[in-house]
Amino acid sequence: MLRIRESLLSGWLAYKRLTGLSFPRRFPIVQFPNLPLIVAFLAGAASTHIDGGAHSYVVSLSYLAMTIWAYEELVHGVNWFRHLLGLTYAILMVVRVAHALHP
């Protein structure tokens, strides 16, 4: 049990180091994806392979994760560019959901 905890802790610390990577260092424009963005990408990719009612749920998960990511960037972004990126994606997600509701 102790080895599992150590492995989980080691994996979590490695993930946190990766999410701390950014380029350029002084004014981060590109960052390693955080958890909501990873979930959005995975759900979006999975939605292309799923049909029927499950497709709607997976697309909804992708939209929700992307909205959470956009909110986080808008409110907690590291610079004005990341705030603007969050605002842009928040607006884009509102438009995409409105379009999905009214085909």
Protein backbone atom coordinates (compact mmCIF):
# COMPACT_ATOMS: atom_id res chain seq x y z
CA MET A 1 0.00 0.00 0.00
CA LEU A 2 2.88 2.34 0.80
CA ARG A 3 4.45 1.72 -2.64
CA ILE A 4 1.18 2.64 -4.34
CA ARG A 5 1.01 5.91 -2.41
CA GLU A 6 4.63 6.68 -3.26
CA SER A 7 3.97 5.94 -6.93
CA LEU A 8 0.87 8.13 -6.97
CA LEU A 9 2.72 10.95 -5.22
CA SER A 10 5.64 10.63 -7.62
CA GLY A 11 3.28 10.70 -10.61
CA TRP A 12 1.44 13.73 -9.23
CA LEU A 13 4.69 15.63 -8.64
CA ALA A 14 5.86 14.82 -12.17
CA TYR A 15 2.54 16.09 -13.55
CA LYS A 16 2.86 19.32 -11.54
CA ARG A 17 6.41 19.83 -12.88
CA LEU A 18 5.15 19.35 -16.45
CA THR A 19 2.25 21.77 -16.01
CA GLY A 20 4.73 24.33 -14.71
CA LEU A 21 6.58 24.34 -18.04
CA SER A 22 5.96 27.38 -20.21
CA PHE A 23 7.50 29.22 -23.12
CA PRO A 24 8.90 31.84 -23.05
CA ARG A 25 9.70 31.86 -19.36
CA ARG A 26 9.23 35.59 -18.77
CA PHE A 27 5.90 35.91 -20.61
CA PRO A 28 4.27 32.47 -20.97
CA ILE A 29 2.29 32.11 -24.17
CA VAL A 30 2.57 28.34 -24.50
CA GLN A 31 2.07 26.14 -21.45
CA PHE A 32 1.77 22.40 -20.85
CA PRO A 33 -1.96 21.54 -20.81
CA ASN A 34 -3.61 21.39 -17.41
CA LEU A 35 -6.20 18.78 -16.42
CA PRO A 36 -9.34 20.49 -17.87
CA LEU A 37 -7.60 21.00 -21.21
CA ILE A 38 -6.39 17.39 -21.32
CA VAL A 39 -9.93 16.17 -20.56
CA ALA A 40 -11.34 18.46 -23.28
CA PHE A 41 -8.88 17.14 -25.87
CA LEU A 42 -9.44 13.50 -24.94
CA ALA A 43 -13.24 13.86 -24.92
CA GLY A 44 -13.16 15.71 -28.24
CA ALA A 45 -11.04 13.00 -29.81
CA ALA A 46 -13.26 10.27 -28.36
CA SER A 47 -16.39 11.96 -29.71
CA THR A 48 -15.23 11.33 -33.27
CA HIS A 49 -15.32 7.58 -32.61
CA ILE A 50 -18.63 7.42 -30.68
CA ASP A 51 -22.11 7.40 -32.20
CA GLY A 52 -25.63 7.68 -30.84
CA GLY A 53 -26.63 9.15 -27.51
CA ALA A 54 -23.20 8.68 -25.97
CA HIS A 55 -21.78 11.09 -28.55
CA SER A 56 -23.78 13.97 -27.05
CA TYR A 57 -22.48 13.22 -23.56
CA VAL A 58 -18.87 13.06 -24.67
CA VAL A 59 -19.18 16.31 -26.64
CA SER A 60 -20.83 17.92 -23.60
CA LEU A 61 -17.92 16.77 -21.44
CA SER A 62 -15.50 18.29 -23.93
CA TYR A 63 -17.41 21.61 -23.92
CA LEU A 64 -17.59 21.64 -20.12
CA ALA A 65 -13.88 20.93 -19.71
CA MET A 66 -13.00 23.60 -22.27
CA THR A 67 -15.25 26.10 -20.49
CA ILE A 68 -13.55 25.34 -17.16
CA TRP A 69 -10.15 25.80 -18.80
CA ALA A 70 -11.25 29.11 -20.36
CA TYR A 71 -12.57 30.35 -17.00
CA GLU A 72 -9.33 29.39 -15.26
CA GLU A 73 -7.27 31.24 -17.87
CA LEU A 74 -9.57 34.27 -17.74
CA VAL A 75 -9.48 34.56 -13.96
CA HIS A 76 -6.11 33.05 -13.00
CA GLY A 77 -4.00 33.43 -16.15
CA VAL A 78 -0.36 34.44 -15.65
CA ASN A 79 -0.43 37.46 -17.99
CA TRP A 80 -2.73 39.56 -20.15
CA PHE A 81 -2.31 37.24 -23.13
CA ARG A 82 -3.54 34.22 -21.13
CA HIS A 83 -6.48 36.30 -19.80
CA LEU A 84 -7.39 37.30 -23.35
CA LEU A 85 -7.06 33.68 -24.49
CA GLY A 86 -9.45 32.61 -21.73
CA LEU A 87 -11.95 35.31 -22.69
CA THR A 88 -11.77 34.35 -26.35
CA TYR A 89 -12.42 30.69 -25.62
CA ALA A 90 -15.21 31.50 -23.15
CA ILE A 91 -16.99 33.48 -25.86
CA LEU A 92 -16.31 30.73 -28.39
CA MET A 93 -17.80 28.11 -26.07
CA VAL A 94 -20.98 30.19 -25.57
CA VAL A 95 -21.36 30.47 -29.34
CA ARG A 96 -20.73 26.73 -29.88
CA VAL A 97 -23.25 25.71 -27.23
CA ALA A 98 -25.84 28.15 -28.62
CA HIS A 99 -25.24 26.74 -32.10
CA ALA A 100 -25.54 23.16 -30.80
CA LEU A 101 -28.86 23.98 -29.12
CA HIS A 102 -30.34 25.52 -32.28
CA PRO A 103 -29.23 23.45 -35.28
